[in-house]
Protein backbone atom coordinates (compact mmCIF):
# COMPACT_ATOMS: atom_id res chain seq x y z
CA MET A 1 -0.22 11.31 22.85
CA ALA A 2 -2.02 14.25 21.25
CA ARG A 3 0.60 16.68 22.60
CA ARG A 4 3.36 14.50 21.15
CA LEU A 5 1.63 14.40 17.77
CA ARG A 6 1.16 18.16 17.84
CA GLY A 7 4.80 18.70 18.81
CA GLN A 8 6.13 16.49 16.03
CA LEU A 9 4.05 18.24 13.40
CA GLU A 10 4.97 21.71 14.65
CA ARG A 11 8.70 20.88 14.62
CA GLN A 12 8.65 19.33 11.18
CA MET A 13 6.32 21.65 9.27
CA SER A 14 8.17 24.55 7.71
CA PRO A 15 6.59 28.03 7.51
CA THR A 16 6.21 27.64 3.75
CA ALA A 17 4.00 24.62 4.31
CA MET A 18 1.29 26.71 5.97
CA THR A 19 -1.65 28.38 4.26
CA VAL A 20 -0.59 30.70 1.46
CA LYS A 21 -2.61 33.79 0.59
CA VAL A 22 -2.71 35.03 -2.99
CA SER A 23 -4.32 38.07 -4.56
CA ARG A 24 -5.76 36.30 -7.61
CA PRO A 25 -9.04 34.39 -7.22
CA GLY A 26 -9.02 30.61 -7.47
CA PRO A 27 -11.23 28.45 -9.69
CA ASN A 28 -13.98 28.63 -7.08
CA PRO A 29 -13.78 32.09 -5.46
CA SER A 30 -16.26 31.20 -2.74
CA VAL A 31 -14.04 28.39 -1.46
CA ASN A 32 -10.36 28.87 -2.23
CA SER A 33 -9.77 32.48 -3.31
CA PHE A 34 -6.92 32.74 -0.80
CA PHE A 35 -5.82 29.13 -0.79
CA VAL A 36 -3.07 27.38 -2.74
CA PRO A 37 -2.60 23.67 -2.02
CA ARG A 38 1.03 22.66 -1.59
CA PRO A 39 2.25 20.14 -4.20
CA ASN A 40 4.15 18.04 -1.63
CA PHE A 41 3.79 17.13 2.02
CA PRO A 42 6.58 18.61 4.20
CA GLN A 43 9.57 16.36 4.87
CA LEU A 44 9.23 14.55 8.20
CA ASP A 45 12.72 13.48 9.23
CA SER A 46 11.43 11.74 12.36
CA LEU A 47 9.09 9.51 10.35
CA VAL A 48 9.85 5.80 10.67
CA ARG A 49 10.98 4.55 7.25
CA SER A 50 10.43 0.85 7.78
CA TYR A 51 7.82 -1.60 8.98
CA PHE A 52 9.82 -4.75 8.20
CA LEU A 53 9.07 -7.02 11.15
CA GLY A 54 10.46 -10.41 12.12
CA HIS A 55 7.48 -12.34 10.82
CA HIS A 56 7.84 -10.56 7.45
CA GLN A 57 11.28 -12.09 6.88
CA ALA A 58 10.11 -15.46 8.17
CA ALA A 59 7.14 -15.42 5.79
CA LEU A 60 9.32 -14.42 2.83
CA THR A 61 11.69 -17.32 3.54
CA GLU A 62 8.81 -19.78 3.81
CA MET A 63 7.27 -18.51 0.57
CA SER A 64 10.55 -19.17 -1.26
CA GLN A 65 10.77 -22.68 0.15
CA MET A 66 7.26 -23.64 -0.94
CA LEU A 67 7.53 -22.45 -4.56
CA SER A 68 7.97 -26.00 -5.86
CA THR A 69 4.48 -26.87 -4.58
CA VAL A 70 2.75 -23.78 -6.00
CA GLU A 71 1.73 -23.36 -9.65
CA LEU A 72 0.54 -19.73 -9.56
CA ILE A 73 1.31 -16.67 -7.44
CA ILE A 74 -1.36 -13.99 -7.07
CA GLU A 75 0.33 -10.73 -6.12
CA CYS A 76 -1.97 -8.01 -4.79
CA ARG A 77 -1.27 -4.31 -5.05
CA ASP A 78 -3.47 -1.41 -4.00
CA HIS A 79 -5.15 0.23 -6.98
CA ARG A 80 -4.76 3.65 -5.31
CA VAL A 81 -0.99 3.31 -4.93
CA PRO A 82 0.16 1.04 -7.78
CA LEU A 83 3.82 2.01 -7.30
CA SER A 84 4.03 2.47 -3.54
CA SER A 85 2.48 -0.97 -2.96
CA ARG A 86 5.18 -2.70 -5.03
CA ASN A 87 7.63 -4.84 -3.04
CA PRO A 88 10.90 -5.58 -4.89
CA LEU A 89 11.64 -8.42 -2.44
CA PHE A 90 9.03 -10.54 -4.23
CA GLU A 91 10.86 -10.20 -7.55
CA LYS A 92 13.81 -12.23 -6.26
CA ALA A 93 12.16 -14.46 -3.66
CA LEU A 94 9.32 -15.62 -5.92
CA ALA A 95 11.10 -15.73 -9.27
CA GLY A 96 10.40 -18.69 -11.53
CA ARG A 97 6.65 -18.96 -11.01
CA GLU A 98 3.85 -17.59 -13.16
CA ARG A 99 2.30 -14.56 -11.54
CA LEU A 100 -1.12 -12.92 -11.72
CA MET A 101 -1.05 -9.25 -10.74
CA VAL A 102 -4.29 -8.12 -9.09
CA TYR A 103 -4.82 -4.43 -8.33
CA THR A 104 -7.28 -4.49 -5.43
CA LYS A 105 -9.70 -1.88 -4.08
CA LYS A 106 -10.62 -0.66 -7.55
CA ASP A 107 -13.88 0.62 -6.09
CA LEU A 108 -11.95 3.12 -3.92
CA ALA A 109 -10.37 4.75 -6.98
CA GLN A 110 -13.17 4.26 -9.48
CA GLY A 111 -12.78 6.18 -12.73
CA THR A 112 -9.28 7.46 -11.96
CA LEU A 113 -7.50 5.44 -14.67
CA ASN A 114 -8.06 5.99 -18.37
CA LYS A 115 -7.36 3.37 -21.03
CA ILE A 116 -3.83 4.65 -21.68
CA GLN A 117 -2.93 4.44 -17.99
CA LYS A 118 -4.38 0.93 -17.66
CA ASN A 119 -2.33 -0.15 -20.65
CA ALA A 120 0.77 1.40 -19.06
CA ILE A 121 0.27 -0.58 -15.84
CA THR A 122 -0.34 -3.75 -17.84
CA LYS A 123 2.98 -3.26 -19.65
CA TRP A 124 4.79 -2.93 -16.30
CA HIS A 125 4.14 -6.63 -15.69
CA SER A 126 4.43 -8.14 -19.17
CA PRO A 127 4.22 -11.07 -19.82
CA ASN A 128 2.30 -11.65 -16.56
CA LYS A 129 -1.48 -11.21 -16.54
CA VAL A 130 -2.91 -8.05 -14.89
CA MET A 131 -6.41 -7.54 -13.47
CA PHE A 132 -8.13 -4.67 -11.66
CA SER A 133 -10.51 -5.93 -9.01
CA ASP A 134 -13.21 -5.02 -6.50
CA VAL A 135 -13.81 -7.92 -4.09
CA ASN A 136 -17.49 -6.96 -3.87
CA ASN A 137 -17.93 -7.15 -7.65
CA PHE A 138 -19.04 -10.65 -8.68
CA LEU A 139 -17.72 -10.33 -12.25
CA ASP A 140 -14.28 -9.12 -11.11
CA VAL A 141 -13.90 -12.10 -8.78
CA LYS A 142 -15.25 -14.48 -11.43
CA LYS A 143 -12.60 -13.31 -13.92
CA ILE A 144 -9.81 -14.24 -11.51
CA LEU A 145 -11.34 -17.68 -10.93
CA SER A 146 -11.80 -18.22 -14.67
CA TYR A 147 -8.18 -17.35 -15.33
CA ALA A 148 -6.98 -19.76 -12.63
CA ARG A 149 -9.25 -22.51 -13.97
CA SER A 150 -8.02 -22.07 -17.55
CA LEU A 151 -4.44 -22.20 -16.31
CA TYR A 152 -4.88 -25.38 -14.30
CA LEU A 153 -7.16 -27.49 -16.53
CA PRO A 154 -4.36 -28.62 -18.90
CA PHE A 155 -2.01 -29.17 -15.94
CA GLN A 156 -4.46 -31.34 -13.99
CA ALA A 157 -5.59 -33.25 -17.08
CA GLU A 158 -2.00 -34.35 -17.65
CA THR A 159 -1.51 -35.19 -13.97
CA ALA A 160 -4.69 -37.26 -13.86
CA LYS A 161 -3.34 -39.54 -16.57
CA GLN A 162 -0.50 -40.58 -14.30
CA VAL A 163 -2.09 -40.81 -10.85
CA ASP A 164 -5.44 -40.30 -9.18
CA ASN A 165 -5.00 -36.61 -8.35
CA LEU A 166 -6.79 -35.95 -5.05
CA THR A 167 -4.59 -33.20 -3.68
CA GLY A 168 -5.46 -30.57 -6.26
CA SER A 169 -3.31 -27.60 -7.26
CA ARG A 170 -2.22 -24.71 -5.09
CA MET A 171 -1.93 -20.95 -5.54
CA LEU A 172 -0.19 -18.52 -3.19
CA ILE A 173 -1.45 -14.99 -2.56
CA VAL A 174 1.15 -12.35 -1.58
CA GLY A 175 1.49 -8.58 -1.23
CA MET A 176 2.37 -5.67 1.00
CA PRO A 177 0.53 -5.28 4.33
CA ASN A 178 -3.12 -4.23 4.10
CA VAL A 179 -3.50 -4.43 0.32
CA GLY A 180 -6.52 -6.71 0.62
CA LYS A 181 -5.07 -10.22 0.24
CA SER A 182 -7.31 -11.89 2.81
CA SER A 183 -10.37 -10.03 1.51
CA LEU A 184 -9.64 -11.28 -2.00
CA LEU A 185 -9.16 -14.84 -0.73
CA ASN A 186 -12.55 -14.69 1.01
CA ALA A 187 -14.19 -13.30 -2.13
CA LEU A 188 -12.69 -16.08 -4.30
CA ARG A 189 -13.93 -18.69 -1.82
CA ARG A 190 -17.39 -17.10 -1.63
CA VAL A 191 -17.84 -17.00 -5.41
CA GLY A 192 -15.88 -20.15 -6.25
CA VAL A 193 -17.33 -22.67 -3.80
CA GLN A 194 -20.12 -20.66 -2.11
CA ARG A 195 -18.47 -20.88 1.30
CA LYS A 196 -18.10 -18.35 4.09
CA LYS A 197 -14.87 -16.47 4.61
CA ALA A 198 -11.82 -18.46 5.68
CA ALA A 199 -9.31 -15.67 6.37
CA ILE A 200 -9.54 -13.06 9.11
CA THR A 201 -9.47 -9.50 7.77
CA GLY A 202 -8.92 -6.12 9.41
CA GLY A 203 -8.24 -2.45 8.75
CA GLN A 204 -4.78 -2.62 10.33
CA PRO A 205 -1.76 -4.44 8.88
CA GLY A 206 -0.55 -7.60 10.57
CA VAL A 207 -3.86 -9.47 10.90
CA THR A 208 -2.30 -12.40 9.01
CA ARG A 209 1.07 -13.15 10.63
CA LYS A 210 2.04 -16.53 9.19
CA ILE A 211 1.48 -18.73 6.14
CA ALA A 212 -2.02 -20.16 6.39
CA THR A 213 -3.35 -23.59 5.44
CA SER A 214 -4.78 -24.23 1.98
CA VAL A 215 -8.33 -23.00 1.32
CA LYS A 216 -10.43 -24.48 -1.47
CA VAL A 217 -11.55 -21.84 -3.99
CA ILE A 218 -12.43 -23.99 -7.05
CA GLU A 219 -14.08 -27.43 -7.10
CA ASP A 220 -13.37 -28.46 -10.70
CA PRO A 221 -10.48 -28.54 -11.25
CA LEU A 222 -9.61 -28.79 -7.57
CA ILE A 223 -7.66 -25.63 -6.67
CA TYR A 224 -6.59 -24.32 -3.27
CA LEU A 225 -5.34 -20.86 -2.31
CA ILE A 226 -2.85 -20.14 0.48
CA ASP A 227 -2.98 -16.84 2.39
CA SER A 228 0.25 -15.18 3.55
CA PRO A 229 1.26 -12.23 5.76
CA GLY A 230 1.80 -8.86 4.18
CA VAL A 231 5.53 -8.27 3.69
CA PHE A 232 6.86 -4.72 3.92
CA VAL A 233 10.07 -3.48 2.30
CA PRO A 234 13.10 -3.21 4.64
CA TYR A 235 13.50 0.53 4.05
CA VAL A 236 11.58 3.31 2.30
CA PRO A 237 13.96 6.11 1.25
CA ASN A 238 11.22 8.55 0.28
CA SER A 239 9.18 9.81 3.22
CA GLU A 240 6.36 10.84 0.87
CA THR A 241 5.81 7.19 0.03
CA MET A 242 5.14 6.58 3.73
CA LEU A 243 2.67 9.48 3.72
CA LYS A 244 0.43 8.57 0.81
CA LEU A 245 -2.55 8.73 3.15
CA ALA A 246 -1.72 12.28 4.17
CA LEU A 247 -4.28 15.06 3.80
CA VAL A 248 -2.37 16.63 0.89
CA GLY A 249 -4.15 14.10 -1.32
CA MET A 250 -7.46 15.75 -0.52
CA ASN A 251 -6.13 19.23 -1.26
CA LEU A 252 -4.75 18.24 -4.65
CA HIS A 253 -7.88 16.30 -5.59
CA ASP A 254 -10.60 18.74 -4.58
CA PRO A 255 -10.45 21.04 -1.52
CA THR A 256 -14.26 21.24 -1.40
CA ILE A 257 -14.51 17.55 -0.41
CA TYR A 258 -13.88 18.29 3.25
CA LYS A 259 -15.25 21.84 3.41
CA LYS A 260 -17.91 20.62 5.84
CA TYR A 261 -15.08 19.85 8.29
CA HIS A 262 -12.86 22.90 7.72
CA GLU A 263 -12.13 25.56 5.14
CA PRO A 264 -9.34 24.44 2.74
CA THR A 265 -6.00 24.65 4.54
CA ASN A 266 -2.44 23.31 4.47
CA ASN A 267 -2.24 23.43 8.28
CA ILE A 268 -3.02 19.93 9.54
CA LEU A 269 -3.07 21.03 13.19
CA ASP A 270 -5.86 23.53 12.51
CA PHE A 271 -7.73 20.96 10.44
CA LEU A 272 -7.53 18.19 13.07
CA ALA A 273 -8.45 20.55 15.91
CA LYS A 274 -11.55 21.77 14.06
CA VAL A 275 -12.65 18.27 13.05
CA GLY A 276 -12.06 17.01 16.60
CA LYS A 277 -14.38 19.66 17.99
CA GLU A 278 -17.01 19.19 15.28
CA THR A 279 -17.13 15.40 15.77
CA GLY A 280 -16.82 15.38 19.57
CA ARG A 281 -13.40 13.74 19.68
CA LEU A 282 -12.19 15.54 22.78
CA MET A 283 -9.94 14.82 25.74
CA LYS A 284 -10.46 15.88 29.33
CA GLY A 285 -10.83 19.64 29.53
CA GLY A 286 -12.34 19.87 26.06
CA GLU A 287 -9.04 19.81 24.14
CA PRO A 288 -9.35 18.10 20.72
CA ASP A 289 -7.93 14.58 20.59
CA LEU A 290 -5.70 14.97 17.53
CA GLU A 291 -4.65 11.33 17.28
CA ALA A 292 -8.20 9.97 17.49
CA THR A 293 -9.31 12.55 14.94
CA ALA A 294 -6.47 11.67 12.56
CA LEU A 295 -7.35 7.97 12.77
CA TRP A 296 -11.00 8.78 12.07
CA ILE A 297 -10.10 10.87 9.01
CA VAL A 298 -7.77 8.20 7.60
CA GLY A 299 -10.46 5.57 8.19
CA ARG A 300 -12.98 7.58 6.19
CA TRP A 301 -10.46 8.02 3.38
CA ARG A 302 -9.73 4.28 3.31
CA ASN A 303 -13.45 3.63 2.89
CA GLY A 304 -13.76 6.07 -0.01
CA LEU A 305 -15.81 8.61 1.95
CA LEU A 306 -13.42 11.49 1.19
CA GLY A 307 -13.20 11.03 -2.55
CA ARG A 308 -11.98 8.21 -4.79
CA PHE A 309 -8.60 8.93 -6.30
CA MET A 310 -5.05 7.67 -6.74
CA LEU A 311 -2.02 8.90 -4.83
CA ASP A 312 0.67 7.59 -7.21
CA PRO A 313 1.33 9.08 -10.65
CA VAL A 314 0.65 6.79 -13.61
CA ASP A 315 2.31 8.00 -16.80
CA LYS A 316 4.53 6.38 -19.41
CA ASP A 317 7.73 7.05 -17.43
CA ALA A 318 6.42 6.59 -13.87
CA TYR A 319 7.44 2.94 -13.52
CA GLN A 320 10.97 3.52 -14.80
CA ARG A 321 11.43 6.47 -12.46
CA TRP A 322 10.27 4.30 -9.57
CA LEU A 323 12.70 1.49 -10.43
CA GLU A 324 15.57 3.97 -10.65
CA GLU A 325 14.69 5.39 -7.23
CA GLU A 326 14.56 1.88 -5.77
CA GLU A 327 17.98 1.06 -7.20
CA SER A 328 19.62 4.29 -6.04
CA ALA A 329 18.09 4.02 -2.59
CA GLY A 330 19.25 0.43 -2.02
CA LYS A 331 20.66 0.95 1.47
CA SER A 332 18.76 1.03 4.71
CA ASN A 333 18.90 3.97 7.08
CA THR A 334 20.77 1.83 9.63
CA ARG A 335 23.44 0.92 7.11
CA LEU A 336 23.88 4.54 6.06
CA LYS A 337 24.37 5.54 9.70
CA LYS A 338 26.96 2.80 10.19
CA GLU A 339 28.86 3.91 7.10
CA ALA A 340 28.78 7.54 8.24
CA LYS A 341 30.14 6.53 11.65
CA ALA A 342 32.91 4.49 10.02
CA GLU A 343 33.87 7.46 7.87
CA ARG A 344 34.08 9.70 10.95
CA LEU A 345 36.32 7.19 12.75
CA GLU A 346 38.52 6.89 9.68
CA ALA A 347 38.86 10.67 9.48
CA GLN A 348 39.92 10.84 13.15
CA ARG A 349 42.50 8.06 12.90
CA PRO A 350 45.41 10.11 11.40
CA ARG A 351 45.06 12.73 14.16
CA ASN A 352 45.24 10.06 16.85
CA VAL A 353 48.36 8.53 15.28
CA ALA A 354 50.03 11.92 15.02
CA MET A 355 49.29 12.67 18.69
CA ALA A 356 50.85 9.32 19.70
């Protein structure tokens, strides 16, 4: 596995992606006098551009069918990747219901957004409500519960006049894989009704694979929340979007963050080999286990141990640029291949007729 990982990286990384030496000193001469971080990760043509599994489509269909029984949709997006964690499939499948946008994992990108940027993100979703949340922050969780309560009190007061309302109201929580939906559900339940967690969580996507049963999160008015599987987009045209967790983020943020592992470098193979040796992640014969080391590094980044920063740009035009890219991309890789094959067959047809 490590040899395969090494081979893929060596084939895909161009010479210009390696460490660049310059004659002028950098901002910190003792660290990066001869180091220039690349602005983009090298294109990886072999990278899988989709993670759209069968249960993703099944979950999306079921979500659409249950809209009539849900009064509010809570859509989660990762605070660190506010654009990359957007799923356009939700816009069509869940249209017609009020939506609360919750940017999760705020604690892992603390202090990275200024007031102007927060206002920009809020405008992306107008007129829907937007909140930035840390599931371990009592006040953040309380704000979400307070908003839900204020939304449902008039609705349930009117319903109670007609019948004895024992079923309560329901909310649905949705989002891309691994954006923290189940963690948020557990936090809402913990703060709202002082109960233990009801949803299984994990560091890998796919822990929740089907629509779950309703979980009570507010006693008065009676409100339940339904967990759902993370739904990926069918195709990601930009490979950099699939590599937001790549080490280039560390270089652009602050190369000194991981100096204790390796001197600043653009060569991931060198970096992983050094870290593997330093941390004892070795295979038989003493060769560094590159895959195990890469997983360890990504895990530390996910937990905020390698800096807290965002990987998506947030400026006044960022959202519009993203929407335009989504629209122009539109076709899956499979469809593009089929169209290319059809064009080749069409080009060959006149020659075959002439030969006949």
